[in-house]
């Protein structure tokens, strides 16, 4: 199983925050996150990330600055969309993507580590 890891240092708004935003601000936030994912995944990687052709496991490891309680389901959607927009996922549906979300605390270096793992033959290769 091939694996690629990269970090981003911009935290996306929660799903609750997104739903309260005006559509133009929501779009602006998505474009900004797409740009960060593209930059850190492609420009800063030690080796190029291949575009997705099969199912991938995505581990989103959030290192927050504090121990405040957060809902794990509330932060991944916009990141998955950014991965899909940058062709690092075929789709963010369960058929093509298995998502694992982990929360930890790192007061000195808050970040999100994103690990992509290529799985077997994947979904629907017809």
N, C-alpha and C. Protein backbone atom coordinates (compact mmCIF):
# COMPACT_ATOMS: atom_id res chain seq x y z
N UNK A 1 0.85 -1.18 0.00
CA UNK A 1 0.00 0.00 0.00
C UNK A 1 0.90 1.24 0.00
N UNK A 2 0.75 2.11 -0.99
CA UNK A 2 1.50 3.36 -1.05
C UNK A 2 0.88 4.38 -0.12
N UNK A 3 1.74 5.24 0.44
CA UNK A 3 1.28 6.23 1.40
C UNK A 3 2.00 7.56 1.17
N UNK A 4 1.25 8.68 1.29
CA UNK A 4 1.81 10.02 1.16
C UNK A 4 1.25 10.87 2.29
N UNK A 5 2.11 11.66 2.91
CA UNK A 5 1.69 12.52 4.01
C UNK A 5 2.17 13.94 3.75
N UNK A 6 1.32 14.90 4.05
CA UNK A 6 1.71 16.30 4.01
C UNK A 6 0.93 17.05 5.08
N UNK A 7 1.40 18.24 5.45
CA UNK A 7 0.77 19.06 6.47
C UNK A 7 0.24 20.34 5.86
N UNK A 8 -0.86 20.81 6.40
CA UNK A 8 -1.30 22.17 6.11
C UNK A 8 -1.46 22.89 7.44
N UNK A 9 -1.31 24.19 7.41
CA UNK A 9 -1.31 24.97 8.63
C UNK A 9 -2.49 25.92 8.70
N UNK A 10 -3.42 25.77 7.77
CA UNK A 10 -4.65 26.56 7.74
C UNK A 10 -5.80 25.63 8.13
N UNK A 11 -6.50 25.96 9.20
CA UNK A 11 -7.63 25.15 9.63
C UNK A 11 -8.89 25.61 8.93
N UNK A 12 -9.64 24.68 8.36
CA UNK A 12 -10.89 25.08 7.68
C UNK A 12 -11.95 25.46 8.71
N UNK A 13 -12.91 26.26 8.27
CA UNK A 13 -14.04 26.54 9.18
C UNK A 13 -14.82 25.24 9.43
N UNK A 14 -15.47 25.17 10.57
CA UNK A 14 -16.30 24.00 10.85
C UNK A 14 -17.51 24.01 9.92
N UNK A 15 -18.16 22.88 9.82
CA UNK A 15 -19.36 22.78 8.99
C UNK A 15 -20.42 23.76 9.48
N UNK A 16 -20.54 23.92 10.80
CA UNK A 16 -21.50 24.88 11.35
C UNK A 16 -21.17 26.30 10.91
N UNK A 17 -19.88 26.67 10.93
CA UNK A 17 -19.48 28.00 10.48
C UNK A 17 -19.76 28.18 9.00
N UNK A 18 -19.48 27.14 8.21
CA UNK A 18 -19.73 27.21 6.77
C UNK A 18 -21.20 27.45 6.46
N UNK A 19 -22.06 26.74 7.18
CA UNK A 19 -23.49 26.86 6.93
C UNK A 19 -24.03 28.26 7.26
N UNK A 20 -23.34 28.96 8.16
CA UNK A 20 -23.76 30.32 8.52
C UNK A 20 -23.18 31.38 7.59
N UNK A 21 -22.22 31.00 6.74
CA UNK A 21 -21.56 31.98 5.86
C UNK A 21 -22.42 32.31 4.64
N UNK A 22 -22.23 33.51 4.14
CA UNK A 22 -22.79 33.89 2.85
C UNK A 22 -22.13 33.00 1.78
N UNK A 23 -22.83 32.68 0.71
CA UNK A 23 -22.30 31.76 -0.29
C UNK A 23 -20.98 32.24 -0.88
N UNK A 24 -20.80 33.54 -1.04
CA UNK A 24 -19.55 34.05 -1.62
C UNK A 24 -18.37 33.84 -0.66
N UNK A 25 -18.59 34.04 0.63
CA UNK A 25 -17.55 33.80 1.64
C UNK A 25 -17.22 32.32 1.73
N UNK A 26 -18.25 31.47 1.61
CA UNK A 26 -18.04 30.02 1.63
C UNK A 26 -17.18 29.59 0.45
N UNK A 27 -17.47 30.14 -0.72
CA UNK A 27 -16.69 29.85 -1.92
C UNK A 27 -15.25 30.32 -1.75
N UNK A 28 -15.08 31.52 -1.20
CA UNK A 28 -13.74 32.07 -0.97
C UNK A 28 -12.93 31.18 -0.02
N UNK A 29 -13.58 30.68 1.03
CA UNK A 29 -12.91 29.79 1.99
C UNK A 29 -12.50 28.48 1.30
N UNK A 30 -13.35 27.95 0.42
CA UNK A 30 -13.02 26.70 -0.29
C UNK A 30 -11.86 26.91 -1.25
N UNK A 31 -11.87 28.00 -1.99
CA UNK A 31 -10.79 28.28 -2.94
C UNK A 31 -9.46 28.44 -2.19
N UNK A 32 -9.49 29.11 -1.04
CA UNK A 32 -8.28 29.28 -0.24
C UNK A 32 -7.75 27.93 0.23
N UNK A 33 -8.63 27.05 0.70
CA UNK A 33 -8.21 25.73 1.16
C UNK A 33 -7.71 24.89 -0.01
N UNK A 34 -8.37 24.96 -1.16
CA UNK A 34 -7.90 24.25 -2.36
C UNK A 34 -6.47 24.67 -2.69
N UNK A 35 -6.19 25.96 -2.59
CA UNK A 35 -4.86 26.49 -2.90
C UNK A 35 -3.83 25.97 -1.90
N UNK A 36 -4.17 25.96 -0.61
CA UNK A 36 -3.25 25.43 0.40
C UNK A 36 -2.95 23.96 0.16
N UNK A 37 -3.98 23.18 -0.11
CA UNK A 37 -3.77 21.75 -0.35
C UNK A 37 -2.89 21.55 -1.58
N UNK A 38 -3.15 22.28 -2.64
CA UNK A 38 -2.34 22.18 -3.85
C UNK A 38 -0.89 22.54 -3.54
N UNK A 39 -0.67 23.63 -2.84
CA UNK A 39 0.69 24.08 -2.53
C UNK A 39 1.43 23.07 -1.68
N UNK A 40 0.83 22.64 -0.56
CA UNK A 40 1.54 21.75 0.35
C UNK A 40 1.65 20.33 -0.19
N UNK A 41 0.67 19.87 -0.93
CA UNK A 41 0.72 18.50 -1.46
C UNK A 41 1.65 18.38 -2.66
N UNK A 42 1.67 19.39 -3.50
CA UNK A 42 2.43 19.27 -4.75
C UNK A 42 3.76 20.02 -4.71
N UNK A 43 3.77 21.22 -4.16
CA UNK A 43 4.98 22.03 -4.19
C UNK A 43 5.96 21.67 -3.08
N UNK A 44 5.46 21.29 -1.92
CA UNK A 44 6.34 21.04 -0.78
C UNK A 44 6.62 19.56 -0.56
N UNK A 45 6.01 18.70 -1.33
CA UNK A 45 6.21 17.26 -1.13
C UNK A 45 7.59 16.84 -1.61
N UNK A 46 8.15 15.84 -0.95
CA UNK A 46 9.46 15.32 -1.35
C UNK A 46 9.39 14.55 -2.65
N UNK A 47 8.25 13.96 -2.90
CA UNK A 47 8.02 13.28 -4.17
C UNK A 47 6.60 13.63 -4.62
N UNK A 48 6.36 13.69 -5.92
CA UNK A 48 5.03 14.10 -6.39
C UNK A 48 3.95 13.11 -5.98
N UNK A 49 2.78 13.64 -5.67
CA UNK A 49 1.63 12.82 -5.34
C UNK A 49 0.94 12.44 -6.64
N UNK A 50 0.75 11.17 -6.89
CA UNK A 50 0.01 10.81 -8.11
C UNK A 50 -1.47 11.10 -7.96
N UNK A 51 -2.11 11.43 -9.07
CA UNK A 51 -3.55 11.62 -9.06
C UNK A 51 -4.24 10.32 -8.68
N UNK A 52 -5.41 10.44 -8.12
CA UNK A 52 -6.14 9.27 -7.64
C UNK A 52 -6.77 8.51 -8.80
N UNK A 53 -6.63 7.21 -8.76
CA UNK A 53 -7.30 6.33 -9.72
C UNK A 53 -8.06 5.21 -9.00
N UNK A 54 -7.75 5.02 -7.71
CA UNK A 54 -8.38 3.98 -6.92
C UNK A 54 -8.88 4.54 -5.60
N UNK A 55 -9.51 3.66 -4.84
CA UNK A 55 -9.98 4.04 -3.52
C UNK A 55 -8.78 4.38 -2.64
N UNK A 56 -8.94 5.43 -1.82
CA UNK A 56 -7.88 5.84 -0.91
C UNK A 56 -8.42 5.97 0.51
N UNK A 57 -7.55 5.63 1.45
CA UNK A 57 -7.84 5.90 2.85
C UNK A 57 -7.22 7.27 3.16
N UNK A 58 -8.00 8.14 3.76
CA UNK A 58 -7.54 9.48 4.11
C UNK A 58 -7.56 9.60 5.62
N UNK A 59 -6.39 9.89 6.19
CA UNK A 59 -6.31 10.15 7.62
C UNK A 59 -6.11 11.64 7.81
N UNK A 60 -7.05 12.27 8.49
CA UNK A 60 -6.97 13.69 8.81
C UNK A 60 -6.60 13.79 10.29
N UNK A 61 -5.35 14.13 10.56
CA UNK A 61 -4.86 14.20 11.93
C UNK A 61 -4.74 15.67 12.31
N UNK A 62 -5.70 16.14 13.09
CA UNK A 62 -5.75 17.53 13.52
C UNK A 62 -4.94 17.69 14.80
N UNK A 63 -4.02 18.62 14.81
CA UNK A 63 -3.29 18.99 16.02
C UNK A 63 -3.76 20.40 16.39
N UNK A 64 -4.63 20.48 17.37
CA UNK A 64 -5.21 21.75 17.79
C UNK A 64 -4.32 22.44 18.81
N UNK A 65 -4.50 23.73 18.97
CA UNK A 65 -3.73 24.51 19.94
C UNK A 65 -4.24 24.28 21.37
N UNK A 66 -5.50 23.84 21.51
CA UNK A 66 -6.08 23.67 22.85
C UNK A 66 -6.87 22.36 22.91
N UNK A 67 -7.37 22.04 24.10
CA UNK A 67 -8.10 20.79 24.33
C UNK A 67 -9.61 20.93 24.20
N UNK A 68 -10.06 22.04 23.67
CA UNK A 68 -11.50 22.27 23.54
C UNK A 68 -12.17 21.11 22.79
N UNK A 69 -13.35 20.72 23.24
CA UNK A 69 -14.08 19.63 22.57
C UNK A 69 -14.55 20.08 21.20
N UNK A 70 -14.34 19.21 20.21
CA UNK A 70 -14.79 19.49 18.85
C UNK A 70 -15.41 18.23 18.27
N UNK A 71 -16.32 18.41 17.37
CA UNK A 71 -16.99 17.30 16.71
C UNK A 71 -16.16 16.87 15.49
N UNK A 72 -15.71 15.63 15.47
CA UNK A 72 -14.85 15.14 14.38
C UNK A 72 -15.53 15.19 13.02
N UNK A 73 -16.84 15.07 13.01
CA UNK A 73 -17.57 15.11 11.74
C UNK A 73 -17.72 16.52 11.19
N UNK A 74 -17.31 17.50 11.96
CA UNK A 74 -17.58 18.89 11.63
C UNK A 74 -16.46 19.57 10.83
N UNK A 75 -15.33 18.90 10.64
CA UNK A 75 -14.18 19.58 10.03
C UNK A 75 -13.65 18.95 8.75
N UNK A 76 -14.05 17.75 8.41
CA UNK A 76 -13.44 17.06 7.29
C UNK A 76 -13.98 17.36 5.91
N UNK A 77 -15.23 17.76 5.81
CA UNK A 77 -15.88 17.91 4.49
C UNK A 77 -15.13 18.85 3.56
N UNK A 78 -14.76 20.02 4.05
CA UNK A 78 -14.10 20.99 3.20
C UNK A 78 -12.71 20.50 2.78
N UNK A 79 -12.02 19.77 3.66
CA UNK A 79 -10.72 19.20 3.30
C UNK A 79 -10.87 18.12 2.23
N UNK A 80 -11.88 17.27 2.37
CA UNK A 80 -12.12 16.24 1.36
C UNK A 80 -12.44 16.86 0.01
N UNK A 81 -13.22 17.94 0.02
CA UNK A 81 -13.51 18.65 -1.23
C UNK A 81 -12.22 19.19 -1.84
N UNK A 82 -11.33 19.75 -1.02
CA UNK A 82 -10.07 20.28 -1.53
C UNK A 82 -9.20 19.16 -2.12
N UNK A 83 -9.19 18.00 -1.48
CA UNK A 83 -8.44 16.86 -2.02
C UNK A 83 -9.02 16.42 -3.36
N UNK A 84 -10.34 16.41 -3.44
CA UNK A 84 -11.00 16.02 -4.70
C UNK A 84 -10.74 17.06 -5.79
N UNK A 85 -10.83 18.33 -5.46
CA UNK A 85 -10.58 19.39 -6.45
C UNK A 85 -9.15 19.35 -6.99
N UNK A 86 -8.21 18.85 -6.18
CA UNK A 86 -6.81 18.73 -6.60
C UNK A 86 -6.47 17.34 -7.14
N UNK A 87 -7.50 16.54 -7.42
CA UNK A 87 -7.37 15.21 -8.03
C UNK A 87 -6.58 14.24 -7.16
N UNK A 88 -6.59 14.45 -5.85
CA UNK A 88 -5.94 13.53 -4.93
C UNK A 88 -6.93 12.48 -4.43
N UNK A 89 -8.21 12.69 -4.72
CA UNK A 89 -9.27 11.70 -4.49
C UNK A 89 -10.12 11.64 -5.75
N UNK A 90 -10.59 10.45 -6.09
CA UNK A 90 -11.52 10.32 -7.21
C UNK A 90 -12.84 10.98 -6.83
N UNK A 91 -13.32 10.66 -5.63
CA UNK A 91 -14.56 11.21 -5.12
C UNK A 91 -14.51 11.10 -3.60
N UNK A 92 -15.31 11.87 -2.90
CA UNK A 92 -15.30 11.78 -1.44
C UNK A 92 -16.42 10.88 -0.90
N UNK A 93 -17.01 10.08 -1.77
CA UNK A 93 -18.04 9.14 -1.33
C UNK A 93 -17.36 7.91 -0.70
N UNK A 94 -18.09 7.16 0.14
CA UNK A 94 -17.50 5.97 0.78
C UNK A 94 -17.01 4.92 -0.22
N UNK A 95 -17.56 4.92 -1.43
CA UNK A 95 -17.11 3.97 -2.45
C UNK A 95 -15.65 4.21 -2.84
N UNK A 96 -15.20 5.46 -2.76
CA UNK A 96 -13.86 5.84 -3.22
C UNK A 96 -12.94 6.33 -2.10
N UNK A 97 -13.48 6.53 -0.91
CA UNK A 97 -12.70 7.19 0.13
C UNK A 97 -13.09 6.69 1.51
N UNK A 98 -12.12 6.20 2.26
CA UNK A 98 -12.34 5.84 3.66
C UNK A 98 -11.66 6.92 4.50
N UNK A 99 -12.39 7.56 5.38
CA UNK A 99 -11.86 8.70 6.14
C UNK A 99 -11.68 8.32 7.61
N UNK A 100 -10.49 8.62 8.13
CA UNK A 100 -10.20 8.47 9.55
C UNK A 100 -9.82 9.85 10.07
N UNK A 101 -10.49 10.29 11.13
CA UNK A 101 -10.22 11.61 11.70
C UNK A 101 -9.69 11.43 13.12
N UNK A 102 -8.56 12.08 13.40
CA UNK A 102 -7.92 11.99 14.71
C UNK A 102 -7.70 13.41 15.22
N UNK A 103 -8.00 13.63 16.51
CA UNK A 103 -7.75 14.94 17.14
C UNK A 103 -6.69 14.78 18.22
N UNK A 104 -5.70 15.66 18.22
CA UNK A 104 -4.68 15.74 19.25
C UNK A 104 -4.41 17.21 19.55
N UNK A 105 -3.55 17.45 20.53
CA UNK A 105 -3.18 18.81 20.90
C UNK A 105 -1.67 18.99 20.70
N UNK A 106 -1.31 20.09 20.05
CA UNK A 106 0.09 20.51 19.94
C UNK A 106 0.08 22.03 20.04
N UNK A 107 0.29 22.53 21.23
CA UNK A 107 0.21 23.97 21.47
C UNK A 107 1.26 24.76 20.69
N UNK A 108 2.39 24.14 20.42
CA UNK A 108 3.50 24.83 19.74
C UNK A 108 3.36 24.84 18.22
N UNK A 109 2.76 23.81 17.67
CA UNK A 109 2.70 23.67 16.20
C UNK A 109 1.35 23.11 15.75
N UNK A 110 0.27 23.90 15.86
CA UNK A 110 -1.03 23.40 15.39
C UNK A 110 -1.00 23.21 13.87
N UNK A 111 -1.59 22.11 13.41
CA UNK A 111 -1.54 21.77 11.99
C UNK A 111 -2.51 20.64 11.71
N UNK A 112 -2.65 20.33 10.43
CA UNK A 112 -3.41 19.16 10.01
C UNK A 112 -2.47 18.30 9.16
N UNK A 113 -2.24 17.08 9.59
CA UNK A 113 -1.46 16.13 8.80
C UNK A 113 -2.44 15.29 8.00
N UNK A 114 -2.25 15.28 6.71
CA UNK A 114 -3.14 14.52 5.82
C UNK A 114 -2.33 13.38 5.24
N UNK A 115 -2.80 12.17 5.46
CA UNK A 115 -2.13 10.98 4.92
C UNK A 115 -3.08 10.31 3.94
N UNK A 116 -2.59 10.07 2.75
CA UNK A 116 -3.35 9.37 1.70
C UNK A 116 -2.72 8.01 1.51
N UNK A 117 -3.53 6.96 1.57
CA UNK A 117 -3.04 5.60 1.35
C UNK A 117 -3.85 4.97 0.24
N UNK A 118 -3.15 4.48 -0.76
CA UNK A 118 -3.79 3.81 -1.89
C UNK A 118 -4.22 2.42 -1.43
N UNK A 119 -5.45 2.07 -1.70
CA UNK A 119 -5.94 0.74 -1.32
C UNK A 119 -5.89 -0.20 -2.52
N UNK A 120 -6.17 -1.46 -2.30
CA UNK A 120 -6.15 -2.51 -3.32
C UNK A 120 -6.63 -2.10 -4.69
N UNK A 121 -7.53 -2.86 -5.26
CA UNK A 121 -8.04 -2.56 -6.60
C UNK A 121 -9.08 -1.47 -6.60
N UNK A 122 -9.60 -1.12 -5.44
CA UNK A 122 -10.52 0.01 -5.34
C UNK A 122 -11.88 -0.26 -5.93
N UNK A 123 -12.60 0.80 -6.13
CA UNK A 123 -13.99 0.72 -6.57
C UNK A 123 -14.09 0.76 -8.08
N UNK A 124 -15.08 0.13 -8.58
CA UNK A 124 -15.54 0.23 -9.97
C UNK A 124 -14.48 0.56 -11.00
N UNK A 125 -13.60 -0.35 -11.28
CA UNK A 125 -12.62 -0.11 -12.33
C UNK A 125 -13.09 -0.77 -13.62
N UNK A 126 -14.15 -0.27 -14.19
CA UNK A 126 -14.66 -0.88 -15.40
C UNK A 126 -14.27 -0.13 -16.63
